[in-house]
Amino acid sequence: MNKKSDTYQLASQLLWEDAEPGVKRQIMAYDAHLMLVKVQFQTGAIGSVHQHPHTQGTYVASGIFELTIGNEKKILKAGDGYYVAPNLPHGCKCLEAGTLIDTFSPMREDFLGNQ
């Protein structure tokens, strides 16, 4: 398993993988300390509630999402973002098809199984 991405990531040359029904992700830049992932959602798709030891920061590139982080729910749209502390349960429902740009620290090694 490669522990570092190439210097440049050309979207047209990177594979998409299915993450959940109606959700696919494209691994972008990463090394041991950081990972950038593009995640596309179809309307109605669910990002199941989960938790992980990684710090996460996410930017809503397009679409509308209902986010649940801990016990708080909020509607986010293009241009918004959110932070998830390590081990805090979180998930989302896509209200309007869109793309999230996730960052993780450290990298999500579990995402590299197909790389």
C-alpha atoms as a PDB file:
ATOM      1  CA  MET A   1       0.000   0.000   0.000  1.00  0.00           C
ATOM      2  CA  ASN A   2       1.347   3.396  -1.023  1.00  0.00           C
ATOM      3  CA  LYS A   3       1.622   5.781   1.955  1.00  0.00           C
ATOM      4  CA  LYS A   4       1.895   8.945  -0.151  1.00  0.00           C
ATOM      5  CA  SER A   5      -0.020  10.244  -3.147  1.00  0.00           C
ATOM      6  CA  ASP A   6       1.570  11.512  -6.310  1.00  0.00           C
ATOM      7  CA  THR A   7       2.399  15.213  -6.251  1.00  0.00           C
ATOM      8  CA  TYR A   8      -0.449  16.029  -8.655  1.00  0.00           C
ATOM      9  CA  GLN A   9      -3.880  14.417  -8.769  1.00  0.00           C
ATOM     10  CA  LEU A  10      -5.674  14.589 -12.108  1.00  0.00           C
ATOM     11  CA  ALA A  11      -9.341  13.825 -11.449  1.00  0.00           C
ATOM     12  CA  SER A  12      -9.787  12.227 -14.868  1.00  0.00           C
ATOM     13  CA  GLN A  13      -7.105   9.656 -13.996  1.00  0.00           C
ATOM     14  CA  LEU A  14      -8.261   8.759 -10.470  1.00  0.00           C
ATOM     15  CA  LEU A  15     -10.668   5.937  -9.728  1.00  0.00           C
ATOM     16  CA  TRP A  16     -13.983   6.421  -7.962  1.00  0.00           C
ATOM     17  CA  GLU A  17     -15.021   3.781  -5.456  1.00  0.00           C
ATOM     18  CA  ASP A  18     -18.445   3.056  -4.029  1.00  0.00           C
ATOM     19  CA  ALA A  19     -18.616   3.996  -0.358  1.00  0.00           C
ATOM     20  CA  GLU A  20     -22.335   3.422   0.359  1.00  0.00           C
ATOM     21  CA  PRO A  21     -25.435   3.254  -1.863  1.00  0.00           C
ATOM     22  CA  GLY A  22     -25.588   6.536  -3.784  1.00  0.00           C
ATOM     23  CA  VAL A  23     -22.183   7.627  -2.437  1.00  0.00           C
ATOM     24  CA  LYS A  24     -18.811   7.378  -4.162  1.00  0.00           C
ATOM     25  CA  ARG A  25     -15.408   8.743  -3.232  1.00  0.00           C
ATOM     26  CA  GLN A  26     -12.220   9.720  -5.003  1.00  0.00           C
ATOM     27  CA  ILE A  27      -8.990   9.708  -2.993  1.00  0.00           C
ATOM     28  CA  MET A  28      -6.971  12.811  -3.758  1.00  0.00           C
ATOM     29  CA  ALA A  29      -3.818  13.988  -1.933  1.00  0.00           C
ATOM     30  CA  TYR A  30      -2.472  12.150   1.099  1.00  0.00           C
ATOM     31  CA  ASP A  31       0.498  11.229   3.230  1.00  0.00           C
ATOM     32  CA  ALA A  32       0.755   9.848   6.755  1.00  0.00           C
ATOM     33  CA  HIS A  33      -0.425  13.154   8.269  1.00  0.00           C
ATOM     34  CA  LEU A  34      -3.204  14.341   5.939  1.00  0.00           C
ATOM     35  CA  MET A  35      -5.775  13.057   3.445  1.00  0.00           C
ATOM     36  CA  LEU A  36      -8.052  14.889   1.000  1.00  0.00           C
ATOM     37  CA  VAL A  37     -11.079  12.981  -0.354  1.00  0.00           C
ATOM     38  CA  LYS A  38     -13.809  14.043  -2.781  1.00  0.00           C
ATOM     39  CA  VAL A  39     -17.198  12.436  -1.967  1.00  0.00           C
ATOM     40  CA  GLN A  40     -20.195  12.598  -4.319  1.00  0.00           C
ATOM     41  CA  PHE A  41     -23.742  11.973  -3.079  1.00  0.00           C
ATOM     42  CA  GLN A  42     -26.958  11.361  -4.975  1.00  0.00           C
ATOM     43  CA  THR A  43     -30.110  12.967  -3.594  1.00  0.00           C
ATOM     44  CA  GLY A  44     -31.395  10.881  -0.673  1.00  0.00           C
ATOM     45  CA  ALA A  45     -28.100   9.043  -0.121  1.00  0.00           C
ATOM     46  CA  ILE A  46     -27.060   8.485   3.475  1.00  0.00           C
ATOM     47  CA  GLY A  47     -23.602   8.781   4.967  1.00  0.00           C
ATOM     48  CA  SER A  48     -24.217   6.353   7.856  1.00  0.00           C
ATOM     49  CA  VAL A  49     -23.459   7.539  11.374  1.00  0.00           C
ATOM     50  CA  HIS A  50     -19.927   6.455  12.219  1.00  0.00           C
ATOM     51  CA  GLN A  51     -16.869   7.568  14.168  1.00  0.00           C
ATOM     52  CA  HIS A  52     -13.124   7.310  13.729  1.00  0.00           C
ATOM     53  CA  PRO A  53      -9.975   8.460  15.547  1.00  0.00           C
ATOM     54  CA  HIS A  54      -9.152  11.000  12.820  1.00  0.00           C
ATOM     55  CA  THR A  55      -9.807  14.734  12.988  1.00  0.00           C
ATOM     56  CA  GLN A  56     -12.044  15.694  10.059  1.00  0.00           C
ATOM     57  CA  GLY A  57     -12.720  19.002   8.343  1.00  0.00           C
ATOM     58  CA  THR A  58     -15.184  19.072   5.447  1.00  0.00           C
ATOM     59  CA  TYR A  59     -16.126  21.667   2.829  1.00  0.00           C
ATOM     60  CA  VAL A  60     -19.495  21.490   1.047  1.00  0.00           C
ATOM     61  CA  ALA A  61     -18.535  22.047  -2.596  1.00  0.00           C
ATOM     62  CA  SER A  62     -22.095  21.607  -3.905  1.00  0.00           C
ATOM     63  CA  GLY A  63     -25.506  20.317  -2.867  1.00  0.00           C
ATOM     64  CA  ILE A  64     -27.451  20.450   0.385  1.00  0.00           C
ATOM     65  CA  PHE A  65     -26.824  18.096   3.318  1.00  0.00           C
ATOM     66  CA  GLU A  66     -28.423  17.430   6.693  1.00  0.00           C
ATOM     67  CA  LEU A  67     -25.471  16.812   9.009  1.00  0.00           C
ATOM     68  CA  THR A  68     -25.609  15.152  12.395  1.00  0.00           C
ATOM     69  CA  ILE A  69     -22.521  15.635  14.545  1.00  0.00           C
ATOM     70  CA  GLY A  70     -22.853  14.305  18.066  1.00  0.00           C
ATOM     71  CA  ASN A  71     -26.422  15.241  19.070  1.00  0.00           C
ATOM     72  CA  GLU A  72     -26.657  18.329  16.839  1.00  0.00           C
ATOM     73  CA  LYS A  73     -28.326  18.469  13.405  1.00  0.00           C
ATOM     74  CA  LYS A  74     -27.785  21.258  10.907  1.00  0.00           C
ATOM     75  CA  ILE A  75     -28.537  21.876   7.225  1.00  0.00           C
ATOM     76  CA  LEU A  76     -25.442  22.852   5.211  1.00  0.00           C
ATOM     77  CA  LYS A  77     -25.192  24.024   1.612  1.00  0.00           C
ATOM     78  CA  ALA A  78     -22.474  24.876  -0.905  1.00  0.00           C
ATOM     79  CA  GLY A  79     -19.801  27.068   0.676  1.00  0.00           C
ATOM     80  CA  ASP A  80     -20.397  25.794   4.226  1.00  0.00           C
ATOM     81  CA  GLY A  81     -18.124  23.476   6.167  1.00  0.00           C
ATOM     82  CA  TYR A  82     -17.867  21.477   9.352  1.00  0.00           C
ATOM     83  CA  TYR A  83     -15.367  20.075  11.846  1.00  0.00           C
ATOM     84  CA  VAL A  84     -15.558  16.649  13.512  1.00  0.00           C
ATOM     85  CA  ALA A  85     -13.405  15.927  16.565  1.00  0.00           C
ATOM     86  CA  PRO A  86     -11.828  12.468  16.851  1.00  0.00           C
ATOM     87  CA  ASN A  87     -14.233   9.670  17.872  1.00  0.00           C
ATOM     88  CA  LEU A  88     -17.340  11.902  17.668  1.00  0.00           C
ATOM     89  CA  PRO A  89     -20.271  10.129  15.942  1.00  0.00           C
ATOM     90  CA  HIS A  90     -21.377  11.855  12.743  1.00  0.00           C
ATOM     91  CA  GLY A  91     -23.305  11.201   9.558  1.00  0.00           C
ATOM     92  CA  CYS A  92     -25.351  12.934   6.871  1.00  0.00           C
ATOM     93  CA  LYS A  93     -28.299  12.739   4.527  1.00  0.00           C
ATOM     94  CA  CYS A  94     -28.014  14.322   1.096  1.00  0.00           C
ATOM     95  CA  LEU A  95     -31.029  16.566   0.462  1.00  0.00           C
ATOM     96  CA  GLU A  96     -29.798  17.786  -2.934  1.00  0.00           C
ATOM     97  CA  ALA A  97     -27.110  15.944  -4.944  1.00  0.00           C
ATOM     98  CA  GLY A  98     -23.673  17.306  -4.225  1.00  0.00           C
ATOM     99  CA  THR A  99     -20.032  16.896  -3.360  1.00  0.00           C
ATOM    100  CA  LEU A 100     -18.200  17.076  -0.046  1.00  0.00           C
ATOM    101  CA  ILE A 101     -14.447  17.645   0.207  1.00  0.00           C
ATOM    102  CA  ASP A 102     -13.232  15.754   3.275  1.00  0.00           C
ATOM    103  CA  THR A 103      -9.873  16.229   4.959  1.00  0.00           C
ATOM    104  CA  PHE A 104      -8.551  13.857   7.595  1.00  0.00           C
ATOM    105  CA  SER A 105      -5.617  13.953   9.964  1.00  0.00           C
ATOM    106  CA  PRO A 106      -3.925  11.575  10.114  1.00  0.00           C
ATOM    107  CA  MET A 107      -4.749   9.910   6.806  1.00  0.00           C
ATOM    108  CA  ARG A 108      -7.475   7.266   6.607  1.00  0.00           C
ATOM    109  CA  GLU A 109      -5.414   4.145   5.893  1.00  0.00           C
ATOM    110  CA  ASP A 110      -8.642   2.162   5.718  1.00  0.00           C
ATOM    111  CA  PHE A 111      -9.528   4.117   2.545  1.00  0.00           C
ATOM    112  CA  LEU A 112      -6.385   2.894   0.759  1.00  0.00           C
ATOM    113  CA  GLY A 113      -7.296  -0.782   0.653  1.00  0.00           C
ATOM    114  CA  ASN A 114      -8.204  -0.519  -3.057  1.00  0.00           C
ATOM    115  CA  GLN A 115      -5.326   1.763  -4.042  1.00  0.00           C
END
